[in-house]
Amino acid sequence: MKVEAVLFDLFDTLLLLESSEVYYKPSLKKLHEFLVKNGIKVSLEDFERVYFEVRDKFYSESRKSLEEPHFNVRISQTLEKLGYHLDAFNPLIVDATMAFAEEFMHYVSLDTEALEVLQRLKGKYKLGLVSNFAIPECCWKLLDKFGVRPFFDAIIISGEINRRKPSPEIFEKALKVLDVEASKGVFVGDMLDLDVAGPKSIGMKTVLIKRRPIENVEVKPDKIITCLRELLNVLENW
């Protein structure tokens, strides 16, 4: 197989993210503080309680539908339950989401090998990025912050197209932009269910970067690496 395109997951593949136990509460607190400053009179305790109810319902539904509504929608629905009727694209909702995102970004760092690997792959392969994230604007900011955006010929973020991995459509959309057949594309990611099962379902090759113990033995990547630099050798010898 001649590899023509290499597509990457974003979080915990190219960018390293601290655990949700570390970043989630501070980010949500910043969002709440913004709302309070702008006239929303709800305690943090009540806001968090309703928010997590709404979020968990979204998560449960998305596992079946593989849809990815923008983060604004869950904030709008949270406030609706608390007595405030604002649609998802009301400026207050949009800015509240960005308050969450700005705090979230403090907990993200670039893998130390990412720049070197992308530099060595650029020009040899078409490069793509496929990420599950409900705040696409935040992804774009992070790509610019770490200087990796120019490496990619296609960038697909779930919150922009309302489809999330492992949905075949999100991978197919990236390949269409790259004008590459699935059989000539390789997907690199850290999660078996999203980054291996998803692209495999449309005929792509897969590389798992092992960030945690492997538990699901039913889904098998074509190759396993322990750091990004190992990908270079894998591609050379495919």
Protein backbone atom coordinates (compact mmCIF):
# COMPACT_ATOMS: atom_id res chain seq x y z
CA MET A 1 0.00 0.00 0.00
CA LYS A 2 1.28 3.41 -0.95
CA VAL A 3 0.41 5.88 1.80
CA GLU A 4 -0.68 9.23 0.40
CA ALA A 5 -2.21 10.86 3.47
CA VAL A 6 -1.66 10.83 7.22
CA LEU A 7 -4.52 12.05 9.39
CA PHE A 8 -4.21 12.82 13.08
CA ASP A 9 -6.42 13.04 16.11
CA LEU A 10 -5.78 16.24 18.09
CA PHE A 11 -6.09 15.80 21.87
CA ASP A 12 -3.70 13.33 23.51
CA THR A 13 -2.14 12.70 20.12
CA LEU A 14 -0.59 16.00 18.99
CA LEU A 15 -1.72 18.11 21.93
CA LEU A 16 -1.56 16.75 25.47
CA LEU A 17 -4.48 17.49 27.75
CA GLU A 18 -4.55 17.30 31.51
CA SER A 19 -7.33 15.10 32.91
CA SER A 20 -10.90 16.35 32.97
CA GLU A 21 -10.73 16.18 36.76
CA VAL A 22 -8.12 18.94 36.56
CA TYR A 23 -9.48 21.27 33.89
CA TYR A 24 -13.25 20.90 33.91
CA LYS A 25 -14.28 22.61 37.14
CA PRO A 26 -12.00 25.67 36.70
CA SER A 27 -13.18 26.10 33.11
CA LEU A 28 -16.83 25.82 34.10
CA LYS A 29 -16.26 28.26 36.96
CA LYS A 30 -14.88 30.85 34.53
CA LEU A 31 -17.94 30.36 32.33
CA HIS A 32 -20.24 30.82 35.32
CA GLU A 33 -18.37 33.93 36.48
CA PHE A 34 -18.84 35.46 33.03
CA LEU A 35 -22.57 34.76 33.10
CA VAL A 36 -22.96 36.26 36.60
CA LYS A 37 -21.11 39.42 35.53
CA ASN A 38 -23.58 39.72 32.69
CA GLY A 39 -26.78 39.44 34.67
CA ILE A 40 -27.38 35.70 35.11
CA LYS A 41 -28.34 35.28 38.75
CA VAL A 42 -27.66 31.62 39.40
CA SER A 43 -25.34 30.12 42.02
CA LEU A 44 -22.35 28.11 40.89
CA GLU A 45 -23.75 25.06 42.69
CA ASP A 46 -27.09 25.24 40.85
CA PHE A 47 -25.44 26.00 37.52
CA GLU A 48 -23.05 23.04 37.81
CA ARG A 49 -25.84 20.67 38.85
CA VAL A 50 -28.01 21.52 35.86
CA TYR A 51 -25.08 21.80 33.45
CA PHE A 52 -23.85 18.28 34.21
CA GLU A 53 -27.38 16.91 33.82
CA VAL A 54 -27.60 18.52 30.38
CA ARG A 55 -24.06 17.50 29.41
CA ASP A 56 -24.52 13.89 30.43
CA LYS A 57 -27.74 13.71 28.40
CA PHE A 58 -25.81 15.05 25.39
CA TYR A 59 -23.09 12.45 25.91
CA SER A 60 -25.60 9.63 26.18
CA GLU A 61 -27.42 10.70 23.02
CA SER A 62 -24.24 11.32 21.03
CA ARG A 63 -22.97 7.80 21.69
CA LYS A 64 -25.95 6.57 19.67
CA SER A 65 -26.44 9.35 17.11
CA LEU A 66 -22.73 10.32 16.70
CA GLU A 67 -23.89 13.93 16.48
CA GLU A 68 -21.85 16.76 18.01
CA PRO A 69 -23.93 19.87 18.71
CA HIS A 70 -21.88 22.97 19.43
CA PHE A 71 -21.03 23.57 23.10
CA ASN A 72 -23.23 26.70 22.91
CA VAL A 73 -26.28 24.44 22.70
CA ARG A 74 -25.66 22.80 26.05
CA ILE A 75 -25.13 26.20 27.71
CA SER A 76 -28.35 27.48 26.16
CA GLN A 77 -30.24 24.41 27.38
CA THR A 78 -28.71 24.70 30.86
CA LEU A 79 -29.86 28.30 31.16
CA GLU A 80 -33.28 27.38 29.76
CA LYS A 81 -33.76 24.98 32.66
CA LEU A 82 -32.71 27.76 35.03
CA GLY A 83 -35.25 30.22 33.64
CA TYR A 84 -33.21 32.15 31.06
CA HIS A 85 -34.35 31.89 27.44
CA LEU A 86 -31.34 32.52 25.19
CA ASP A 87 -30.71 30.75 21.90
CA ALA A 88 -27.40 29.03 21.23
CA PHE A 89 -26.01 31.90 19.18
CA ASN A 90 -26.96 34.71 21.52
CA PRO A 91 -23.78 36.80 22.05
CA LEU A 92 -23.91 36.12 25.79
CA ILE A 93 -23.87 32.36 25.19
CA VAL A 94 -21.11 32.63 22.58
CA ASP A 95 -18.89 34.69 24.90
CA ALA A 96 -19.60 32.41 27.87
CA THR A 97 -18.43 29.42 25.83
CA MET A 98 -15.24 31.27 24.97
CA ALA A 99 -14.67 32.02 28.67
CA PHE A 100 -14.71 28.25 29.22
CA ALA A 101 -12.38 27.74 26.25
CA GLU A 102 -9.84 30.34 27.36
CA GLU A 103 -9.47 28.64 30.72
CA PHE A 104 -9.41 25.17 29.14
CA MET A 105 -6.49 26.20 26.93
CA HIS A 106 -4.26 26.62 29.99
CA TYR A 107 -4.37 22.85 30.49
CA VAL A 108 -3.21 21.95 26.97
CA SER A 109 0.41 21.53 25.82
CA LEU A 110 2.10 20.48 22.59
CA ASP A 111 3.68 17.03 22.47
CA THR A 112 7.43 17.67 22.40
CA GLU A 113 7.85 15.58 19.24
CA ALA A 114 4.87 16.96 17.32
CA LEU A 115 6.58 19.80 15.44
CA GLU A 116 9.51 17.67 14.29
CA VAL A 117 7.22 14.88 13.10
CA LEU A 118 4.89 17.23 11.23
CA GLN A 119 7.84 19.00 9.62
CA ARG A 120 9.27 15.70 8.38
CA LEU A 121 5.93 14.48 7.06
CA LYS A 122 4.90 17.72 5.35
CA GLY A 123 5.53 17.47 1.63
CA LYS A 124 5.85 13.67 1.65
CA TYR A 125 2.19 13.14 2.52
CA LYS A 126 -1.03 15.08 2.56
CA LEU A 127 -1.79 15.84 6.20
CA GLY A 128 -5.17 16.01 7.87
CA LEU A 129 -6.63 16.54 11.31
CA VAL A 130 -9.90 15.06 12.61
CA SER A 131 -10.92 16.05 16.13
CA ASN A 132 -13.91 15.50 18.38
CA PHE A 133 -14.53 18.79 20.14
CA ALA A 134 -17.70 20.78 20.72
CA ILE A 135 -15.91 24.16 20.70
CA PRO A 136 -14.27 24.29 17.25
CA GLU A 137 -13.16 27.90 17.76
CA CYS A 138 -11.01 26.67 20.64
CA CYS A 139 -9.34 24.05 18.42
CA TRP A 140 -8.46 26.70 15.84
CA LYS A 141 -6.98 28.91 18.57
CA LEU A 142 -4.88 26.04 19.91
CA LEU A 143 -3.61 25.13 16.43
CA ASP A 144 -2.51 28.74 15.97
CA LYS A 145 -1.09 29.03 19.49
CA PHE A 146 1.20 26.05 18.94
CA GLY A 147 2.01 26.89 15.32
CA VAL A 148 0.77 23.64 13.79
CA ARG A 149 -2.17 24.84 11.72
CA PRO A 150 -0.15 25.45 8.52
CA PHE A 151 0.92 21.79 8.36
CA PHE A 152 -2.58 20.55 7.59
CA ASP A 153 -4.30 20.33 4.24
CA ALA A 154 -7.63 19.40 5.85
CA ILE A 155 -8.96 20.15 9.34
CA ILE A 156 -12.30 18.69 10.39
CA ILE A 157 -13.68 19.43 13.87
CA SER A 158 -16.81 17.64 15.01
CA GLY A 159 -18.55 20.70 16.45
CA GLU A 160 -18.46 22.39 13.05
CA ILE A 161 -20.18 19.58 11.16
CA ASN A 162 -22.34 18.00 13.89
CA ARG A 163 -20.71 14.60 13.36
CA ARG A 164 -18.18 12.99 15.69
CA LYS A 165 -15.79 10.07 15.60
CA PRO A 166 -16.20 7.15 15.12
CA SER A 167 -18.81 8.19 12.55
CA PRO A 168 -17.58 7.22 9.05
CA GLU A 169 -18.75 10.59 7.70
CA ILE A 170 -16.19 12.64 9.60
CA PHE A 171 -13.29 10.60 8.18
CA GLU A 172 -14.82 10.54 4.71
CA LYS A 173 -15.17 14.32 4.77
CA ALA A 174 -11.47 14.73 5.57
CA LEU A 175 -10.43 12.30 2.84
CA LYS A 176 -12.64 14.10 0.33
CA VAL A 177 -10.93 17.40 1.12
CA LEU A 178 -7.55 15.70 0.72
CA ASP A 179 -8.73 13.90 -2.46
CA VAL A 180 -7.31 10.59 -1.19
CA GLU A 181 -8.86 7.11 -1.20
CA ALA A 182 -9.43 5.56 2.22
CA SER A 183 -7.09 2.66 1.43
CA LYS A 184 -4.24 5.13 0.95
CA GLY A 185 -4.85 6.99 4.19
CA VAL A 186 -3.48 6.33 7.69
CA PHE A 187 -5.15 7.58 10.85
CA VAL A 188 -3.11 8.24 14.00
CA GLY A 189 -4.85 8.57 17.36
CA ASP A 190 -4.94 7.50 20.98
CA MET A 191 -8.38 5.91 21.38
CA LEU A 192 -9.33 2.46 20.11
CA ASP A 193 -13.07 3.10 19.76
CA LEU A 194 -12.75 6.51 18.08
CA ASP A 195 -9.40 6.52 16.30
CA VAL A 196 -9.08 2.87 15.29
CA ALA A 197 -12.57 1.43 14.89
CA GLY A 198 -13.82 4.57 13.12
CA PRO A 199 -11.25 4.87 10.32
CA LYS A 200 -10.98 1.08 9.96
CA SER A 201 -14.69 0.96 9.17
CA ILE A 202 -14.06 2.83 5.90
CA GLY A 203 -10.86 1.00 4.98
CA MET A 204 -8.13 3.24 6.40
CA LYS A 205 -5.00 1.94 8.06
CA THR A 206 -4.59 2.88 11.71
CA VAL A 207 -1.79 3.67 14.14
CA LEU A 208 -2.52 3.80 17.86
CA ILE A 209 -0.30 6.01 19.97
CA LYS A 210 -0.34 4.27 23.34
CA ARG A 211 -1.06 6.89 25.99
CA ARG A 212 -2.75 4.45 28.41
CA PRO A 213 -3.09 0.67 28.92
CA ILE A 214 -4.90 -1.10 26.08
CA GLU A 215 -8.11 -2.70 27.31
CA ASN A 216 -10.33 -3.39 24.29
CA VAL A 217 -8.77 -6.40 22.57
CA GLU A 218 -11.56 -6.63 20.00
CA VAL A 219 -10.40 -3.50 18.16
CA LYS A 220 -6.87 -3.88 16.83
CA PRO A 221 -4.83 -1.12 15.22
CA ASP A 222 -2.49 -1.98 12.36
CA LYS A 223 0.45 -0.53 14.29
CA ILE A 224 1.09 0.64 17.84
CA ILE A 225 3.58 3.36 18.75
CA THR A 226 4.58 4.79 22.13
CA CYS A 227 5.70 8.20 20.88
CA LEU A 228 5.09 10.33 17.81
CA ARG A 229 8.63 9.98 16.48
CA GLU A 230 8.09 6.23 16.02
CA LEU A 231 5.47 7.08 13.39
CA LEU A 232 8.19 8.12 10.96
CA ASN A 233 9.68 4.65 10.88
CA VAL A 234 6.25 3.01 10.68
CA LEU A 235 5.35 5.02 7.58
CA GLU A 236 8.71 4.42 5.93
CA ASN A 237 8.30 0.67 6.25
CA TRP A 238 4.63 0.31 5.40
